[in-house]
Protein backbone atom coordinates (compact mmCIF):
# COMPACT_ATOMS: atom_id res chain seq x y z
CA MET A 1 29.03 -5.42 -174.59
CA SER A 2 29.83 -3.14 -171.41
CA GLU A 3 30.35 -5.55 -169.50
CA ASN A 4 32.98 -7.24 -171.83
CA ILE A 5 34.39 -4.34 -172.68
CA THR A 6 34.72 -3.75 -168.93
CA SER A 7 35.88 -7.86 -167.67
CA GLY A 8 38.49 -6.88 -170.58
CA GLN A 9 39.50 -3.89 -169.63
CA GLU A 10 42.93 -4.46 -166.98
CA LYS A 11 42.31 -3.58 -163.95
CA PRO A 12 44.29 -0.59 -162.61
CA GLN A 13 46.75 -2.09 -159.59
CA ASN A 14 46.92 -0.54 -156.35
CA PHE A 15 50.51 0.36 -155.84
CA PRO A 16 50.95 0.64 -152.25
CA SER A 17 51.04 4.45 -151.59
CA VAL A 18 53.91 5.65 -149.90
CA GLN A 19 52.72 7.60 -146.55
CA GLN A 20 54.94 8.92 -143.98
CA THR A 21 54.27 7.38 -140.60
CA SER A 22 55.97 8.91 -137.80
CA SER A 23 58.27 6.50 -138.28
CA GLN A 24 59.63 7.39 -141.88
CA GLN A 25 58.75 11.78 -140.84
CA PRO A 26 61.90 14.11 -140.41
CA MET A 27 63.45 13.02 -137.19
CA MET A 28 65.74 15.48 -134.85
CA GLN A 29 68.62 14.53 -133.52
CA PRO A 30 68.39 15.61 -130.24
CA ALA A 31 70.76 17.50 -129.41
CA PRO A 32 73.73 16.80 -126.91
CA THR A 33 73.91 17.49 -123.17
CA ALA A 34 77.06 19.70 -123.62
CA TYR A 35 75.22 22.60 -121.45
CA ALA A 36 74.62 21.04 -118.92
CA ALA A 37 77.19 21.38 -117.41
CA ALA A 38 77.44 25.07 -117.46
CA ALA A 39 73.47 25.01 -116.67
CA SER A 40 75.29 25.60 -112.85
CA ILE A 41 77.76 28.35 -113.62
CA PRO A 42 77.47 31.31 -111.52
CA ALA A 43 76.28 34.64 -113.56
CA THR A 44 77.05 36.89 -111.42
CA ARG A 45 81.15 37.30 -109.18
CA PRO A 46 80.41 34.58 -106.41
CA LYS A 47 81.10 36.84 -102.86
CA ILE A 48 83.69 35.27 -101.11
CA THR A 49 83.39 33.43 -98.43
CA ALA A 50 84.61 34.18 -94.90
CA LEU A 51 86.94 31.38 -94.47
CA ALA A 52 89.24 32.46 -97.72
CA MET A 53 88.07 36.31 -96.79
CA THR A 54 90.17 35.14 -93.52
CA ALA A 55 92.74 33.82 -95.28
CA PHE A 56 93.23 37.43 -97.44
CA ILE A 57 93.26 39.60 -94.15
CA VAL A 58 95.83 36.82 -92.67
CA SER A 59 98.72 36.83 -95.44
CA LEU A 60 98.13 41.14 -95.10
CA ALA A 61 98.74 40.51 -91.60
CA CYS A 62 101.58 38.16 -92.04
CA ALA A 63 103.10 41.24 -94.05
CA LEU A 64 102.40 43.67 -91.77
CA LEU A 65 104.31 41.29 -89.27
CA ARG A 66 107.48 41.01 -91.68
CA LEU A 67 107.24 44.45 -92.18
CA VAL A 68 107.12 45.36 -88.42
CA GLU A 69 110.04 42.40 -87.84
CA PHE A 70 112.20 44.78 -90.82
CA GLY A 71 111.89 47.36 -88.09
CA THR A 72 112.83 46.35 -85.92
CA MET A 73 116.18 44.46 -86.72
CA ARG A 74 117.34 47.78 -87.90
CA SER A 75 115.90 49.37 -84.35
CA ALA A 76 118.33 46.95 -82.75
CA MET A 77 121.26 47.68 -85.07
CA SER A 78 120.80 51.38 -84.40
CA SER A 79 121.58 50.18 -80.91
CA LEU A 80 124.07 48.74 -80.92
CA GLN A 81 126.10 50.42 -83.59
CA THR A 82 126.49 53.51 -81.04
CA VAL A 83 127.97 50.83 -78.28
CA ALA A 84 129.88 49.06 -81.26
CA ALA A 85 131.36 53.11 -81.70
CA MET A 86 132.40 53.59 -78.10
CA ASN A 87 134.11 49.97 -77.50
CA GLY A 88 135.78 50.73 -81.20
CA GLY A 89 138.47 47.66 -82.16
CA GLN A 90 136.81 43.91 -82.65
CA SER A 91 133.41 45.16 -81.54
CA LEU A 92 133.67 47.22 -84.44
CA ARG A 93 134.37 44.70 -86.60
CA ASN A 94 131.54 42.48 -84.83
CA TYR A 95 129.02 44.89 -85.71
CA ASN A 96 130.07 45.28 -89.18
CA THR A 97 129.85 41.30 -89.47
CA LEU A 98 126.60 40.98 -87.90
CA GLU A 99 125.92 44.25 -90.49
CA SER A 100 126.40 42.56 -93.66
CA PHE A 101 123.85 40.07 -92.27
CA VAL A 102 121.35 41.63 -91.40
CA SER A 103 121.10 43.59 -94.86
CA PHE A 104 121.04 39.99 -96.89
CA ILE A 105 118.39 38.27 -95.04
CA SER A 106 116.73 41.87 -96.04
CA LEU A 107 115.75 40.66 -99.78
CA PRO A 108 114.07 37.65 -98.42
CA LEU A 109 112.33 39.61 -96.17
CA PHE A 110 111.03 42.13 -98.63
CA LEU A 111 110.73 39.76 -101.31
CA SER A 112 108.36 37.77 -98.15
CA ILE A 113 106.22 41.30 -98.22
CA ILE A 114 105.54 41.53 -101.56
CA LEU A 115 104.59 37.76 -102.09
CA TYR A 116 102.07 37.69 -98.99
CA ILE A 117 100.33 41.22 -100.38
CA LEU A 118 100.29 40.24 -104.45
CA PHE A 119 99.13 36.46 -103.81
CA GLY A 120 96.49 37.65 -101.13
CA VAL A 121 95.33 39.72 -103.81
CA PHE A 122 94.71 36.85 -105.98
CA ILE A 123 93.25 34.75 -103.24
CA TYR A 124 90.96 37.32 -102.84
CA ARG A 125 89.80 37.11 -106.38
CA GLY A 126 89.41 32.90 -106.45
CA TYR A 127 92.67 32.06 -107.69
CA ASN A 128 93.30 28.40 -107.54
CA TRP A 129 96.73 28.07 -108.42
CA SER A 130 97.91 31.49 -106.15
CA ARG A 131 96.41 29.12 -103.19
CA ILE A 132 98.94 26.80 -103.78
CA VAL A 133 101.86 29.00 -103.71
CA MET A 134 100.81 30.60 -101.03
CA THR A 135 101.20 27.59 -99.23
CA VAL A 136 104.38 27.28 -99.93
CA ILE A 137 105.28 30.67 -99.57
CA ALA A 138 103.98 29.51 -95.87
CA VAL A 139 105.70 26.69 -95.30
CA LEU A 140 109.02 28.66 -96.09
CA ALA A 141 108.14 31.06 -94.33
CA LEU A 142 107.86 28.66 -91.14
CA ALA A 143 111.74 26.85 -92.27
CA GLY A 144 112.45 30.91 -92.10
CA ILE A 145 111.18 31.97 -88.65
CA VAL A 146 112.45 28.63 -86.84
CA LEU A 147 116.21 29.90 -88.08
CA HIS A 148 115.20 33.44 -86.99
CA THR A 149 114.03 32.90 -83.43
CA PHE A 150 116.86 30.11 -83.01
CA ILE A 151 119.90 32.73 -84.08
CA THR A 152 118.28 35.87 -82.50
CA SER A 153 117.43 33.68 -78.78
CA ALA A 154 121.69 33.01 -79.20
CA ALA A 155 122.39 36.11 -79.94
CA LEU A 156 120.20 37.64 -76.43
CA SER A 157 121.00 34.08 -74.18
CA GLY A 158 124.99 34.59 -74.84
CA MET A 159 124.89 38.75 -73.45
CA ASN A 160 126.31 38.95 -70.67
CA GLU A 161 125.63 41.16 -68.24
CA GLU A 162 127.95 43.94 -69.10
CA ARG A 163 126.56 44.31 -71.85
CA LEU A 164 123.08 44.38 -71.30
CA SER A 165 123.59 47.02 -69.55
CA LEU A 166 125.36 48.84 -72.27
CA ALA A 167 122.89 48.32 -74.86
CA PRO A 168 119.33 47.76 -73.57
CA GLY A 169 117.26 48.86 -76.61
CA PHE A 170 119.28 46.35 -78.86
CA THR A 171 118.33 43.80 -76.18
CA SER A 172 114.67 44.71 -75.86
CA SER A 173 114.36 45.19 -79.96
CA LEU A 174 115.84 41.51 -79.87
CA SER A 175 113.42 40.57 -77.09
CA THR A 176 110.59 42.43 -79.26
CA LEU A 177 112.20 39.81 -82.63
CA ILE A 178 111.31 37.34 -80.70
CA VAL A 179 108.05 37.54 -79.69
CA ILE A 180 107.03 39.05 -83.32
CA TYR A 181 108.14 35.56 -84.87
CA VAL A 182 105.90 34.12 -82.14
CA VAL A 183 103.29 35.55 -84.22
CA LEU A 184 104.48 34.90 -87.18
CA PHE A 185 104.85 31.34 -86.82
CA ILE A 186 100.80 30.83 -85.26
CA ALA A 187 99.95 33.36 -88.24
CA ASN A 188 101.76 31.17 -91.70
CA VAL A 189 99.87 28.41 -89.47
CA ALA A 190 96.75 29.84 -89.29
CA LEU A 191 97.06 31.06 -93.42
CA ILE A 192 98.10 27.06 -94.61
CA VAL A 193 94.68 26.07 -92.55
CA PHE A 194 92.66 29.08 -93.90
CA LEU A 195 92.86 28.08 -97.15
CA TRP A 196 92.39 24.41 -97.57
CA LEU A 197 88.72 24.88 -95.64
CA PRO A 198 85.93 23.56 -97.56
CA GLY A 199 84.88 27.40 -97.68
CA SER A 200 87.95 28.39 -99.55
CA ASN A 201 87.56 24.79 -101.45
CA ARG A 202 83.67 25.82 -102.56
CA PHE A 203 85.21 29.94 -103.22
CA MET A 204 87.54 28.89 -105.36
CA ARG A 205 85.38 26.27 -107.30
CA ASP A 206 82.57 28.83 -107.58
CA SER A 207 85.61 31.22 -109.16
CA LYS A 208 86.98 28.64 -111.24
CA ALA A 209 83.47 28.31 -112.77
CA TYR A 210 82.10 31.53 -113.29
CA ARG A 211 86.09 32.47 -115.28
CA LEU A 212 84.75 30.27 -117.48
CA ALA A 213 81.09 31.13 -117.68
CA GLN A 214 83.26 34.62 -118.84
CA ASN A 215 85.48 33.41 -121.48
CA PRO A 216 83.11 31.95 -124.94
CA MET A 217 86.50 30.22 -125.91
CA ALA A 218 85.33 27.89 -122.71
CA GLN A 219 82.28 26.62 -123.70
CA PRO A 220 80.49 24.62 -124.78
CA THR A 221 80.48 24.01 -128.75
CA ALA A 222 76.78 24.07 -129.29
CA VAL A 223 75.81 21.18 -131.77
CA GLN A 224 73.02 21.46 -134.65
CA ALA A 225 70.78 19.20 -134.84
CA GLN A 226 70.92 16.87 -138.06
CA PRO A 227 67.32 15.81 -139.45
CA VAL A 228 66.99 12.23 -140.61
CA GLN A 229 65.49 11.41 -143.71
CA PRO A 230 63.44 9.11 -144.62
CA GLN A 231 64.93 5.52 -146.39
CA ALA A 232 62.74 4.85 -149.36
CA PRO A 233 60.83 0.71 -149.07
CA HIS A 234 62.52 -1.49 -151.07
CA GLN A 235 60.84 -3.06 -153.70
CA ASN A 236 60.74 -7.06 -153.27
């Protein structure tokens, strides 16, 4: 009897249990490697390299030489003024013309002094754009130095013995100017070279990375990992 009842009952169907296998477990998408490049960013300000420091010192030396150049020109004009006042007439008119020319070229001279110091400071702080501007300044300075050297040499060679004896201070100042121009030419060439040597390149690159690390807006945005929900098995 019991066997008939048991046999008459429907056997319970065994539904396949949905087990969360390892492939069905919520998965976390791997976070992007946005910080891989930021891992090498220095946490402290990079130390200036020897070449970059040398470029900074040379830029200050160029500014100092320009200042000495201006003082020497004024000394030459002071000596020439004494001679022109003694002779009068055409000599005085020539002096006034030369004085106007010296005053005219003094404006870019003082501007170059300011630019040498200003962009030299930015180079010391590791701004790459400043060495590009400084290179342009040095190239323009080289062209001006060549022109000034030619004019000064022509003025010195054009003076006869009588004029040389009347204005010894003027001639010595012109000779000093030529020496200053030669040193300035060498200094500007050296400045360009030091600005673009590998040591300076490394300092500019590390300084840029440091500034990016200090700027939160420049940091890569963190992407939160999103869980992947398992899909229910399809029933046939």
